[in-house]
């Protein structure tokens, strides 16, 4: 095929697709993604507080 040859366009995605809902999988031994996300958020808050104190 050359550059000048036409190709069939890909089908357009339907704008009415339902949103994908996923649950956070269990990681084992009582740890879940929600706990990990919360720890990351707390670490970020602590970092921001330290940066504010340093400024």
N, C-alpha and C. Protein backbone atom coordinates (compact mmCIF):
# COMPACT_ATOMS: atom_id res chain seq x y z
N UNK A 1 0.85 -1.16 0.00
CA UNK A 1 0.00 0.00 0.00
C UNK A 1 0.90 1.24 0.00
N UNK A 2 0.49 2.24 -0.72
CA UNK A 2 1.24 3.48 -0.75
C UNK A 2 0.53 4.53 0.10
N UNK A 3 1.19 5.65 0.25
CA UNK A 3 0.62 6.72 1.07
C UNK A 3 -0.67 7.25 0.47
N UNK A 4 -0.78 7.23 -0.83
CA UNK A 4 -1.95 7.79 -1.50
C UNK A 4 -3.17 6.88 -1.45
N UNK A 5 -2.98 5.62 -1.13
CA UNK A 5 -4.12 4.70 -1.08
C UNK A 5 -4.94 4.96 0.17
N UNK A 6 -6.25 4.90 0.00
CA UNK A 6 -7.12 5.14 1.15
C UNK A 6 -7.28 3.84 1.94
N UNK A 7 -7.48 4.00 3.22
CA UNK A 7 -7.74 2.85 4.08
C UNK A 7 -9.08 3.06 4.74
N UNK A 8 -9.67 1.99 5.20
CA UNK A 8 -10.95 2.13 5.87
C UNK A 8 -10.72 2.73 7.25
N UNK A 9 -11.51 3.72 7.60
CA UNK A 9 -11.31 4.36 8.91
C UNK A 9 -11.69 3.42 10.05
N UNK A 10 -11.03 3.59 11.17
CA UNK A 10 -11.35 2.78 12.33
C UNK A 10 -12.72 3.19 12.84
N UNK A 11 -13.49 2.25 13.37
CA UNK A 11 -14.82 2.61 13.88
C UNK A 11 -14.69 3.58 15.05
N UNK A 12 -15.57 4.55 15.07
CA UNK A 12 -15.53 5.56 16.13
C UNK A 12 -16.01 4.93 17.44
N UNK A 13 -15.40 5.36 18.54
CA UNK A 13 -15.83 4.86 19.84
C UNK A 13 -17.17 5.50 20.19
N UNK A 14 -18.01 4.72 20.77
CA UNK A 14 -19.32 5.21 21.15
C UNK A 14 -19.19 6.14 22.35
N UNK A 15 -19.69 7.36 22.27
CA UNK A 15 -19.59 8.27 23.40
C UNK A 15 -20.48 7.86 24.57
N UNK A 16 -21.35 6.89 24.35
CA UNK A 16 -22.28 6.46 25.38
C UNK A 16 -21.79 5.21 26.11
N UNK A 17 -20.48 4.95 26.07
CA UNK A 17 -19.94 3.79 26.78
C UNK A 17 -20.12 3.99 28.27
N UNK A 18 -20.53 2.99 28.99
CA UNK A 18 -20.65 3.15 30.44
C UNK A 18 -19.26 3.24 31.06
N UNK A 19 -19.14 3.98 32.16
CA UNK A 19 -17.82 4.09 32.79
C UNK A 19 -17.36 2.75 33.33
N UNK A 20 -16.07 2.53 33.30
CA UNK A 20 -15.51 1.28 33.80
C UNK A 20 -15.35 1.42 35.31
N UNK A 21 -15.97 0.52 36.03
CA UNK A 21 -15.89 0.54 37.48
C UNK A 21 -15.07 -0.67 37.92
N UNK A 22 -13.97 -0.39 38.60
CA UNK A 22 -13.16 -1.49 39.09
C UNK A 22 -13.03 -1.38 40.60
N UNK A 23 -12.91 -2.49 41.23
CA UNK A 23 -12.69 -2.49 42.67
C UNK A 23 -11.21 -2.68 42.92
N UNK A 24 -10.76 -2.24 44.07
CA UNK A 24 -9.35 -2.41 44.41
C UNK A 24 -9.15 -3.85 44.89
N UNK A 25 -8.27 -4.59 44.25
CA UNK A 25 -8.08 -5.99 44.63
C UNK A 25 -7.40 -6.12 45.98
N UNK A 26 -7.70 -7.19 46.66
CA UNK A 26 -7.05 -7.46 47.94
C UNK A 26 -5.61 -7.86 47.67
N UNK A 27 -4.71 -7.42 48.53
CA UNK A 27 -3.30 -7.73 48.35
C UNK A 27 -2.86 -8.88 49.26
N UNK A 28 -3.74 -9.34 50.09
CA UNK A 28 -3.40 -10.44 50.98
C UNK A 28 -3.09 -9.96 52.39
N UNK A 29 -3.34 -10.80 53.35
CA UNK A 29 -3.07 -10.53 54.76
C UNK A 29 -3.68 -9.23 55.24
N UNK A 30 -4.87 -8.91 54.76
CA UNK A 30 -5.60 -7.75 55.25
C UNK A 30 -5.17 -6.43 54.67
N UNK A 31 -4.24 -6.41 53.73
CA UNK A 31 -3.80 -5.15 53.12
C UNK A 31 -4.60 -4.94 51.85
N UNK A 32 -5.09 -3.73 51.64
CA UNK A 32 -5.81 -3.45 50.40
C UNK A 32 -5.29 -2.15 49.80
N UNK A 33 -5.63 -1.92 48.56
CA UNK A 33 -5.15 -0.74 47.84
C UNK A 33 -5.54 0.55 48.55
N UNK A 34 -6.71 0.56 49.17
CA UNK A 34 -7.17 1.76 49.86
C UNK A 34 -6.18 2.16 50.94
N UNK A 35 -5.65 1.18 51.67
CA UNK A 35 -4.66 1.46 52.71
C UNK A 35 -3.36 2.01 52.11
N UNK A 36 -2.94 1.45 50.99
CA UNK A 36 -1.71 1.89 50.34
C UNK A 36 -1.88 3.32 49.83
N UNK A 37 -3.03 3.62 49.21
CA UNK A 37 -3.28 4.96 48.71
C UNK A 37 -3.29 5.95 49.86
N UNK A 38 -3.89 5.60 50.97
CA UNK A 38 -3.94 6.49 52.13
C UNK A 38 -2.53 6.77 52.66
N UNK A 39 -1.69 5.76 52.72
CA UNK A 39 -0.31 5.97 53.17
C UNK A 39 0.44 6.92 52.24
N UNK A 40 0.22 6.78 50.95
CA UNK A 40 0.87 7.67 49.98
C UNK A 40 0.38 9.10 50.19
N UNK A 41 -0.94 9.26 50.40
CA UNK A 41 -1.49 10.60 50.64
C UNK A 41 -0.90 11.21 51.90
N UNK A 42 -0.77 10.42 52.97
CA UNK A 42 -0.19 10.93 54.22
C UNK A 42 1.27 11.33 54.02
N UNK A 43 2.01 10.54 53.27
CA UNK A 43 3.41 10.88 52.98
C UNK A 43 3.50 12.20 52.23
N UNK A 44 2.60 12.41 51.27
CA UNK A 44 2.61 13.66 50.52
C UNK A 44 2.27 14.85 51.41
N UNK A 45 1.31 14.68 52.32
CA UNK A 45 0.95 15.76 53.23
C UNK A 45 2.13 16.10 54.14
N UNK A 46 2.82 15.08 54.64
CA UNK A 46 3.99 15.32 55.49
C UNK A 46 5.09 16.04 54.71
N UNK A 47 5.30 15.63 53.46
CA UNK A 47 6.32 16.28 52.63
C UNK A 47 5.98 17.73 52.40
N UNK A 48 4.72 18.02 52.10
CA UNK A 48 4.30 19.39 51.87
C UNK A 48 4.48 20.22 53.13
N UNK A 49 4.19 19.64 54.30
CA UNK A 49 4.36 20.37 55.56
C UNK A 49 5.84 20.69 55.78
N UNK A 50 6.72 19.72 55.51
CA UNK A 50 8.16 19.95 55.66
C UNK A 50 8.65 21.01 54.69
N UNK A 51 8.14 21.00 53.47
CA UNK A 51 8.56 22.01 52.49
C UNK A 51 8.08 23.39 52.92
N UNK A 52 6.89 23.47 53.52
CA UNK A 52 6.38 24.73 54.00
C UNK A 52 7.21 25.27 55.15
N UNK A 53 7.65 24.38 56.03
CA UNK A 53 8.49 24.79 57.16
C UNK A 53 9.87 25.24 56.68
N UNK A 54 10.37 24.61 55.64
CA UNK A 54 11.70 24.94 55.14
C UNK A 54 11.70 26.27 54.38
N UNK A 55 10.56 26.66 53.87
CA UNK A 55 10.51 27.90 53.07
C UNK A 55 10.50 29.15 53.92
